PDB file of all heavy atoms in Angstrom:
ATOM      1  N   GLU A   1       5.794  -2.541   4.322  1.00  0.00           N
ATOM      2  CA  GLU A   1       6.971  -3.298   4.761  1.00  0.00           C
ATOM      3  C   GLU A   1       6.680  -4.794   4.749  1.00  0.00           C
ATOM      4  O   GLU A   1       7.519  -5.605   4.325  1.00  0.00           O
ATOM      5  CB  GLU A   1       7.390  -2.844   6.159  1.00  0.00           C
ATOM      6  CG  GLU A   1       8.048  -1.469   6.187  1.00  0.00           C
ATOM      7  CD  GLU A   1       8.458  -1.060   7.584  1.00  0.00           C
ATOM      8  OE1 GLU A   1       8.014  -1.721   8.543  1.00  0.00           O
ATOM      9  OE2 GLU A   1       9.210  -0.083   7.715  1.00  0.00           O
ATOM     10  N   GLY A   2       5.501  -5.185   5.226  1.00  0.00           N
ATOM     11  CA  GLY A   2       5.138  -6.597   5.211  1.00  0.00           C
ATOM     12  C   GLY A   2       5.117  -7.158   3.800  1.00  0.00           C
ATOM     13  O   GLY A   2       5.567  -8.282   3.555  1.00  0.00           O
ATOM     14  N   CYS A   3       4.579  -6.366   2.874  1.00  0.00           N
ATOM     15  CA  CYS A   3       4.533  -6.794   1.476  1.00  0.00           C
ATOM     16  C   CYS A   3       5.943  -6.942   0.909  1.00  0.00           C
ATOM     17  O   CYS A   3       6.244  -7.904   0.181  1.00  0.00           O
ATOM     18  CB  CYS A   3       3.719  -5.784   0.674  1.00  0.00           C
ATOM     19  SG  CYS A   3       3.441  -6.252  -1.044  1.00  0.00           S
ATOM     20  N   LEU A   4       6.830  -6.010   1.243  1.00  0.00           N
ATOM     21  CA  LEU A   4       8.213  -6.083   0.766  1.00  0.00           C
ATOM     22  C   LEU A   4       8.914  -7.337   1.279  1.00  0.00           C
ATOM     23  O   LEU A   4       9.571  -8.067   0.522  1.00  0.00           O
ATOM     24  CB  LEU A   4       8.981  -4.834   1.216  1.00  0.00           C
ATOM     25  CG  LEU A   4       9.090  -3.675   0.231  1.00  0.00           C
ATOM     26  CD1 LEU A   4       9.820  -2.502   0.880  1.00  0.00           C
ATOM     27  CD2 LEU A   4       9.819  -4.104  -1.032  1.00  0.00           C
ATOM     28  N   PHE A   5       8.806  -7.596   2.580  1.00  0.00           N
ATOM     29  CA  PHE A   5       9.452  -8.785   3.144  1.00  0.00           C
ATOM     30  C   PHE A   5       8.903 -10.063   2.513  1.00  0.00           C
ATOM     31  O   PHE A   5       9.645 -11.001   2.214  1.00  0.00           O
ATOM     32  CB  PHE A   5       9.231  -8.829   4.661  1.00  0.00           C
ATOM     33  CG  PHE A   5      10.173  -7.945   5.439  1.00  0.00           C
ATOM     34  CD1 PHE A   5       9.682  -7.005   6.336  1.00  0.00           C
ATOM     35  CD2 PHE A   5      11.547  -8.057   5.289  1.00  0.00           C
ATOM     36  CE1 PHE A   5      10.538  -6.191   7.059  1.00  0.00           C
ATOM     37  CE2 PHE A   5      12.421  -7.241   6.005  1.00  0.00           C
ATOM     38  CZ  PHE A   5      11.916  -6.310   6.898  1.00  0.00           C
ATOM     39  N   THR A   6       7.602 -10.109   2.305  1.00  0.00           N
ATOM     40  CA  THR A   6       6.971 -11.327   1.783  1.00  0.00           C
ATOM     41  C   THR A   6       7.359 -11.610   0.342  1.00  0.00           C
ATOM     42  O   THR A   6       7.687 -12.742  -0.018  1.00  0.00           O
ATOM     43  CB  THR A   6       5.443 -11.214   1.886  1.00  0.00           C
ATOM     44  OG1 THR A   6       5.071 -11.054   3.255  1.00  0.00           O
ATOM     45  CG2 THR A   6       4.762 -12.459   1.320  1.00  0.00           C
ATOM     46  N   HIS A   7       7.354 -10.593  -0.503  1.00  0.00           N
ATOM     47  CA  HIS A   7       7.455 -10.831  -1.940  1.00  0.00           C
ATOM     48  C   HIS A   7       8.818 -10.511  -2.559  1.00  0.00           C
ATOM     49  O   HIS A   7       9.071 -10.902  -3.700  1.00  0.00           O
ATOM     50  CB  HIS A   7       6.367 -10.035  -2.675  1.00  0.00           C
ATOM     51  CG  HIS A   7       4.979 -10.432  -2.296  1.00  0.00           C
ATOM     52  ND1 HIS A   7       4.444 -11.655  -2.619  1.00  0.00           N
ATOM     53  CD2 HIS A   7       4.017  -9.769  -1.601  1.00  0.00           C
ATOM     54  CE1 HIS A   7       3.217 -11.736  -2.145  1.00  0.00           C
ATOM     55  NE2 HIS A   7       2.927 -10.621  -1.525  1.00  0.00           N
ATOM     56  N   SER A   8       9.696  -9.810  -1.825  1.00  0.00           N
ATOM     57  CA  SER A   8      11.005  -9.508  -2.400  1.00  0.00           C
ATOM     58  C   SER A   8      12.097 -10.422  -1.868  1.00  0.00           C
ATOM     59  O   SER A   8      13.172 -10.514  -2.460  1.00  0.00           O
ATOM     60  CB  SER A   8      11.385  -8.053  -2.107  1.00  0.00           C
ATOM     61  OG  SER A   8      11.726  -7.888  -0.734  1.00  0.00           O
ATOM     62  N   GLY A   9      11.831 -11.083  -0.732  1.00  0.00           N
ATOM     63  CA  GLY A   9      12.865 -11.908  -0.126  1.00  0.00           C
ATOM     64  C   GLY A   9      13.902 -11.096   0.608  1.00  0.00           C
ATOM     65  O   GLY A   9      14.922 -11.637   1.068  1.00  0.00           O
ATOM     66  N   SER A  10      13.668  -9.796   0.774  1.00  0.00           N
ATOM     67  CA  SER A  10      14.630  -8.939   1.452  1.00  0.00           C
ATOM     68  C   SER A  10      14.735  -9.297   2.925  1.00  0.00           C
ATOM     69  O   SER A  10      13.758  -9.703   3.561  1.00  0.00           O
ATOM     70  CB  SER A  10      14.209  -7.470   1.310  1.00  0.00           C
ATOM     71  OG  SER A  10      15.034  -6.634   2.100  1.00  0.00           O
ATOM     72  N   LEU A  11      15.956  -9.135   3.479  1.00  0.00           N
ATOM     73  CA  LEU A  11      16.175  -9.370   4.902  1.00  0.00           C
ATOM     74  C   LEU A  11      16.245  -8.068   5.687  1.00  0.00           C
ATOM     75  O   LEU A  11      16.360  -8.088   6.917  1.00  0.00           O
ATOM     76  CB  LEU A  11      17.470 -10.170   5.110  1.00  0.00           C
ATOM     77  CG  LEU A  11      17.511 -11.547   4.428  1.00  0.00           C
ATOM     78  CD1 LEU A  11      18.849 -12.223   4.702  1.00  0.00           C
ATOM     79  CD2 LEU A  11      16.367 -12.421   4.915  1.00  0.00           C
ATOM     80  N   GLY A  12      16.192  -6.949   4.993  1.00  0.00           N
ATOM     81  CA  GLY A  12      16.269  -5.661   5.674  1.00  0.00           C
ATOM     82  C   GLY A  12      15.747  -4.538   4.792  1.00  0.00           C
ATOM     83  O   GLY A  12      15.933  -4.550   3.571  1.00  0.00           O
ATOM     84  N   ILE A  13      15.081  -3.584   5.415  1.00  0.00           N
ATOM     85  CA  ILE A  13      14.484  -2.460   4.684  1.00  0.00           C
ATOM     86  C   ILE A  13      14.918  -1.157   5.344  1.00  0.00           C
ATOM     87  O   ILE A  13      14.844  -1.017   6.570  1.00  0.00           O
ATOM     88  CB  ILE A  13      12.942  -2.553   4.693  1.00  0.00           C
ATOM     89  CG1 ILE A  13      12.470  -3.837   3.999  1.00  0.00           C
ATOM     90  CG2 ILE A  13      12.317  -1.332   4.034  1.00  0.00           C
ATOM     91  CD1 ILE A  13      10.988  -4.116   4.186  1.00  0.00           C
ATOM     92  N   ARG A  14      15.388  -0.243   4.557  1.00  0.00           N
ATOM     93  CA  ARG A  14      15.690   1.097   5.063  1.00  0.00           C
ATOM     94  C   ARG A  14      14.432   1.957   4.927  1.00  0.00           C
ATOM     95  O   ARG A  14      13.732   1.863   3.919  1.00  0.00           O
ATOM     96  CB  ARG A  14      16.833   1.740   4.272  1.00  0.00           C
ATOM     97  CG  ARG A  14      18.139   0.983   4.365  1.00  0.00           C
ATOM     98  CD  ARG A  14      19.249   1.678   3.584  1.00  0.00           C
ATOM     99  NE  ARG A  14      18.945   1.759   2.159  1.00  0.00           N
ATOM    100  CZ  ARG A  14      19.173   0.768   1.301  1.00  0.00           C
ATOM    101  NH1 ARG A  14      19.653  -0.390   1.716  1.00  0.00           N
ATOM    102  NH2 ARG A  14      18.897   0.922   0.020  1.00  0.00           N
ATOM    103  N   ARG A  15      14.151   2.774   5.926  1.00  0.00           N
ATOM    104  CA  ARG A  15      12.973   3.621   5.832  1.00  0.00           C
ATOM    105  C   ARG A  15      13.298   5.020   6.324  1.00  0.00           C
ATOM    106  O   ARG A  15      14.135   5.222   7.205  1.00  0.00           O
ATOM    107  CB  ARG A  15      11.815   3.031   6.621  1.00  0.00           C
ATOM    108  CG  ARG A  15      11.999   3.013   8.109  1.00  0.00           C
ATOM    109  CD  ARG A  15      10.849   2.267   8.776  1.00  0.00           C
ATOM    110  NE  ARG A  15      10.967   2.276  10.226  1.00  0.00           N
ATOM    111  CZ  ARG A  15      10.457   1.350  11.021  1.00  0.00           C
ATOM    112  NH1 ARG A  15       9.796   0.335  10.488  1.00  0.00           N
ATOM    113  NH2 ARG A  15      10.581   1.439  12.320  1.00  0.00           N
ATOM    114  N   SER A  16      12.629   5.971   5.744  1.00  0.00           N
ATOM    115  CA  SER A  16      12.813   7.373   6.134  1.00  0.00           C
ATOM    116  C   SER A  16      11.525   8.124   5.852  1.00  0.00           C
ATOM    117  O   SER A  16      10.677   7.675   5.059  1.00  0.00           O
ATOM    118  CB  SER A  16      13.969   8.004   5.350  1.00  0.00           C
ATOM    119  OG  SER A  16      13.728   7.924   3.954  1.00  0.00           O
ATOM    120  N   GLN A  17      11.356   9.238   6.526  1.00  0.00           N
ATOM    121  CA  GLN A  17      10.212  10.107   6.292  1.00  0.00           C
ATOM    122  C   GLN A  17      10.700  11.355   5.569  1.00  0.00           C
ATOM    123  O   GLN A  17      11.726  11.931   5.909  1.00  0.00           O
ATOM    124  CB  GLN A  17       9.526  10.495   7.606  1.00  0.00           C
ATOM    125  CG  GLN A  17       8.710   9.368   8.211  1.00  0.00           C
ATOM    126  CD  GLN A  17       7.906   9.834   9.403  1.00  0.00           C
ATOM    127  OE1 GLN A  17       8.443  10.469  10.293  1.00  0.00           O
ATOM    128  NE2 GLN A  17       6.623   9.517   9.423  1.00  0.00           N
ATOM    129  N   MET A  18       9.938  11.755   4.574  1.00  0.00           N
ATOM    130  CA  MET A  18      10.316  12.915   3.767  1.00  0.00           C
ATOM    131  C   MET A  18       9.135  13.852   3.595  1.00  0.00           C
ATOM    132  O   MET A  18       7.995  13.414   3.463  1.00  0.00           O
ATOM    133  CB  MET A  18      10.811  12.474   2.380  1.00  0.00           C
ATOM    134  CG  MET A  18      12.124  11.745   2.397  1.00  0.00           C
ATOM    135  SD  MET A  18      12.771  11.486   0.724  1.00  0.00           S
ATOM    136  CE  MET A  18      14.320  10.678   1.107  1.00  0.00           C
ATOM    137  N   ALA A  19       9.431  15.133   3.614  1.00  0.00           N
ATOM    138  CA  ALA A  19       8.399  16.124   3.314  1.00  0.00           C
ATOM    139  C   ALA A  19       8.146  16.109   1.819  1.00  0.00           C
ATOM    140  O   ALA A  19       9.055  15.901   1.013  1.00  0.00           O
ATOM    141  CB  ALA A  19       8.849  17.505   3.766  1.00  0.00           C
ATOM    142  N   ARG A  20       6.896  16.319   1.449  1.00  0.00           N
ATOM    143  CA  ARG A  20       6.524  16.290   0.041  1.00  0.00           C
ATOM    144  C   ARG A  20       5.705  17.541  -0.283  1.00  0.00           C
ATOM    145  O   ARG A  20       4.790  17.891   0.447  1.00  0.00           O
ATOM    146  CB  ARG A  20       5.716  15.025  -0.272  1.00  0.00           C
ATOM    147  CG  ARG A  20       5.274  14.919  -1.721  1.00  0.00           C
ATOM    148  CD  ARG A  20       4.596  13.593  -1.989  1.00  0.00           C
ATOM    149  NE  ARG A  20       3.344  13.435  -1.260  1.00  0.00           N
ATOM    150  CZ  ARG A  20       2.321  12.688  -1.674  1.00  0.00           C
ATOM    151  NH1 ARG A  20       2.417  12.011  -2.795  1.00  0.00           N
ATOM    152  NH2 ARG A  20       1.215  12.593  -0.961  1.00  0.00           N
ATOM    153  N   ARG A  21       6.035  18.182  -1.357  1.00  0.00           N
ATOM    154  CA  ARG A  21       5.266  19.321  -1.839  1.00  0.00           C
ATOM    155  C   ARG A  21       4.616  18.908  -3.153  1.00  0.00           C
ATOM    156  O   ARG A  21       5.267  18.355  -4.022  1.00  0.00           O
ATOM    157  CB  ARG A  21       6.168  20.529  -2.053  1.00  0.00           C
ATOM    158  CG  ARG A  21       5.454  21.752  -2.609  1.00  0.00           C
ATOM    159  CD  ARG A  21       6.432  22.877  -2.840  1.00  0.00           C
ATOM    160  NE  ARG A  21       5.800  24.009  -3.501  1.00  0.00           N
ATOM    161  CZ  ARG A  21       6.449  25.082  -3.921  1.00  0.00           C
ATOM    162  NH1 ARG A  21       7.764  25.162  -3.730  1.00  0.00           N
ATOM    163  NH2 ARG A  21       5.819  26.066  -4.521  1.00  0.00           N
ATOM    164  N   LYS A  22       3.320  19.179  -3.267  1.00  0.00           N
ATOM    165  CA  LYS A  22       2.622  18.766  -4.477  1.00  0.00           C
ATOM    166  C   LYS A  22       1.627  19.832  -4.883  1.00  0.00           C
ATOM    167  O   LYS A  22       1.147  20.616  -4.058  1.00  0.00           O
ATOM    168  CB  LYS A  22       1.905  17.428  -4.247  1.00  0.00           C
ATOM    169  CG  LYS A  22       0.979  17.425  -3.039  1.00  0.00           C
ATOM    170  CD  LYS A  22       0.403  16.048  -2.793  1.00  0.00           C
ATOM    171  CE  LYS A  22      -0.516  16.069  -1.572  1.00  0.00           C
ATOM    172  NZ  LYS A  22      -1.117  14.757  -1.297  1.00  0.00           N
ATOM    173  N   LEU A  23       1.309  19.851  -6.151  1.00  0.00           N
ATOM    174  CA  LEU A  23       0.338  20.805  -6.650  1.00  0.00           C
ATOM    175  C   LEU A  23      -1.070  20.376  -6.265  1.00  0.00           C
ATOM    176  O   LEU A  23      -1.374  19.194  -6.167  1.00  0.00           O
ATOM    177  CB  LEU A  23       0.440  20.908  -8.180  1.00  0.00           C
ATOM    178  CG  LEU A  23       1.753  21.417  -8.757  1.00  0.00           C
ATOM    179  CD1 LEU A  23       1.662  21.463 -10.274  1.00  0.00           C
ATOM    180  CD2 LEU A  23       2.107  22.791  -8.207  1.00  0.00           C
ATOM    181  N   SER A  24      -1.926  21.368  -6.051  1.00  0.00           N
ATOM    182  CA  SER A  24      -3.337  21.082  -5.831  1.00  0.00           C
ATOM    183  C   SER A  24      -3.887  20.452  -7.102  1.00  0.00           C
ATOM    184  O   SER A  24      -3.662  20.943  -8.206  1.00  0.00           O
ATOM    185  CB  SER A  24      -4.083  22.377  -5.516  1.00  0.00           C
ATOM    186  OG  SER A  24      -5.455  22.133  -5.375  1.00  0.00           O
ATOM    187  N   ARG A  25      -4.634  19.363  -6.939  1.00  0.00           N
ATOM    188  CA  ARG A  25      -5.087  18.631  -8.126  1.00  0.00           C
ATOM    189  C   ARG A  25      -6.456  18.023  -7.899  1.00  0.00           C
ATOM    190  O   ARG A  25      -6.908  17.869  -6.769  1.00  0.00           O
ATOM    191  CB  ARG A  25      -4.088  17.528  -8.473  1.00  0.00           C
ATOM    192  CG  ARG A  25      -4.125  16.371  -7.505  1.00  0.00           C
ATOM    193  CD  ARG A  25      -2.970  15.422  -7.694  1.00  0.00           C
ATOM    194  NE  ARG A  25      -1.751  15.973  -7.141  1.00  0.00           N
ATOM    195  CZ  ARG A  25      -0.589  15.335  -7.106  1.00  0.00           C
ATOM    196  NH1 ARG A  25      -0.502  14.126  -7.609  1.00  0.00           N
ATOM    197  NH2 ARG A  25       0.468  15.894  -6.578  1.00  0.00           N
ATOM    198  N   GLU A  26      -7.089  17.649  -8.975  1.00  0.00           N
ATOM    199  CA  GLU A  26      -8.346  16.924  -8.917  1.00  0.00           C
ATOM    200  C   GLU A  26      -8.517  16.125 -10.199  1.00  0.00           C
ATOM    201  O   GLU A  26      -7.875  16.391 -11.215  1.00  0.00           O
ATOM    202  CB  GLU A  26      -9.534  17.865  -8.713  1.00  0.00           C
ATOM    203  CG  GLU A  26      -9.757  18.847  -9.849  1.00  0.00           C
ATOM    204  CD  GLU A  26     -10.976  19.726  -9.589  1.00  0.00           C
ATOM    205  OE1 GLU A  26     -12.073  19.172  -9.426  1.00  0.00           O
ATOM    206  OE2 GLU A  26     -10.833  20.954  -9.568  1.00  0.00           O
ATOM    207  N   ILE A  27      -9.372  15.128 -10.131  1.00  0.00           N
ATOM    208  CA  ILE A  27      -9.693  14.310 -11.299  1.00  0.00           C
ATOM    209  C   ILE A  27     -10.987  14.841 -11.901  1.00  0.00           C
ATOM    210  O   ILE A  27     -11.975  15.022 -11.194  1.00  0.00           O
ATOM    211  CB  ILE A  27      -9.871  12.828 -10.919  1.00  0.00           C
ATOM    212  CG1 ILE A  27      -8.576  12.263 -10.311  1.00  0.00           C
ATOM    213  CG2 ILE A  27     -10.304  12.008 -12.127  1.00  0.00           C
ATOM    214  CD1 ILE A  27      -7.450  12.111 -11.307  1.00  0.00           C
ATOM    215  N   ILE A  28     -10.978  15.109 -13.193  1.00  0.00           N
ATOM    216  CA  ILE A  28     -12.193  15.540 -13.876  1.00  0.00           C
ATOM    217  C   ILE A  28     -12.507  14.541 -14.988  1.00  0.00           C
ATOM    218  O   ILE A  28     -11.619  13.856 -15.500  1.00  0.00           O
ATOM    219  CB  ILE A  28     -12.058  16.963 -14.468  1.00  0.00           C
ATOM    220  CG1 ILE A  28     -10.925  17.028 -15.500  1.00  0.00           C
ATOM    221  CG2 ILE A  28     -11.817  17.978 -13.358  1.00  0.00           C
ATOM    222  CD1 ILE A  28     -10.844  18.363 -16.226  1.00  0.00           C
ATOM    223  N   ARG A  29     -13.786  14.448 -15.307  1.00  0.00           N
ATOM    224  CA  ARG A  29     -14.230  13.592 -16.407  1.00  0.00           C
ATOM    225  C   ARG A  29     -14.623  14.479 -17.581  1.00  0.00           C
ATOM    226  O   ARG A  29     -15.304  15.484 -17.398  1.00  0.00           O
ATOM    227  CB  ARG A  29     -15.424  12.740 -15.989  1.00  0.00           C
ATOM    228  CG  ARG A  29     -15.067  11.565 -15.104  1.00  0.00           C
ATOM    229  CD  ARG A  29     -16.276  10.687 -14.839  1.00  0.00           C
ATOM    230  NE  ARG A  29     -15.924   9.508 -14.084  1.00  0.00           N
ATOM    231  CZ  ARG A  29     -15.483   8.378 -14.619  1.00  0.00           C
ATOM    232  NH1 ARG A  29     -15.364   8.275 -15.933  1.00  0.00           N
ATOM    233  NH2 ARG A  29     -15.171   7.345 -13.862  1.00  0.00           N
ATOM    234  N   VAL A  30     -14.181  14.102 -18.755  1.00  0.00           N
ATOM    235  CA  VAL A  30     -14.508  14.883 -19.949  1.00  0.00           C
ATOM    236  C   VAL A  30     -15.102  13.962 -21.006  1.00  0.00           C
ATOM    237  O   VAL A  30     -14.866  12.746 -21.007  1.00  0.00           O
ATOM    238  CB  VAL A  30     -13.266  15.606 -20.511  1.00  0.00           C
ATOM    239  CG1 VAL A  30     -12.727  16.614 -19.513  1.00  0.00           C
ATOM    240  CG2 VAL A  30     -12.183  14.605 -20.900  1.00  0.00           C
ATOM    241  N   THR A  31     -15.878  14.554 -21.896  1.00  0.00           N
ATOM    242  CA  THR A  31     -16.496  13.805 -22.990  1.00  0.00           C
ATOM    243  C   THR A  31     -15.804  14.145 -24.297  1.00  0.00           C
ATOM    244  O   THR A  31     -15.634  15.324 -24.635  1.00  0.00           O
ATOM    245  CB  THR A  31     -17.998  14.137 -23.085  1.00  0.00           C
ATOM    246  OG1 THR A  31     -18.628  13.816 -21.836  1.00  0.00           O
ATOM    247  CG2 THR A  31     -18.658  13.332 -24.199  1.00  0.00           C
TER     248      THR A  31
END
């Protein structure tokens, strides 16, 4: 929020919390 106010010039921000479902994941390195 601080970053948004500083760099967008916005005078108001809407915020909400949302549930998120995501797949199990990992980063692998390959050659």
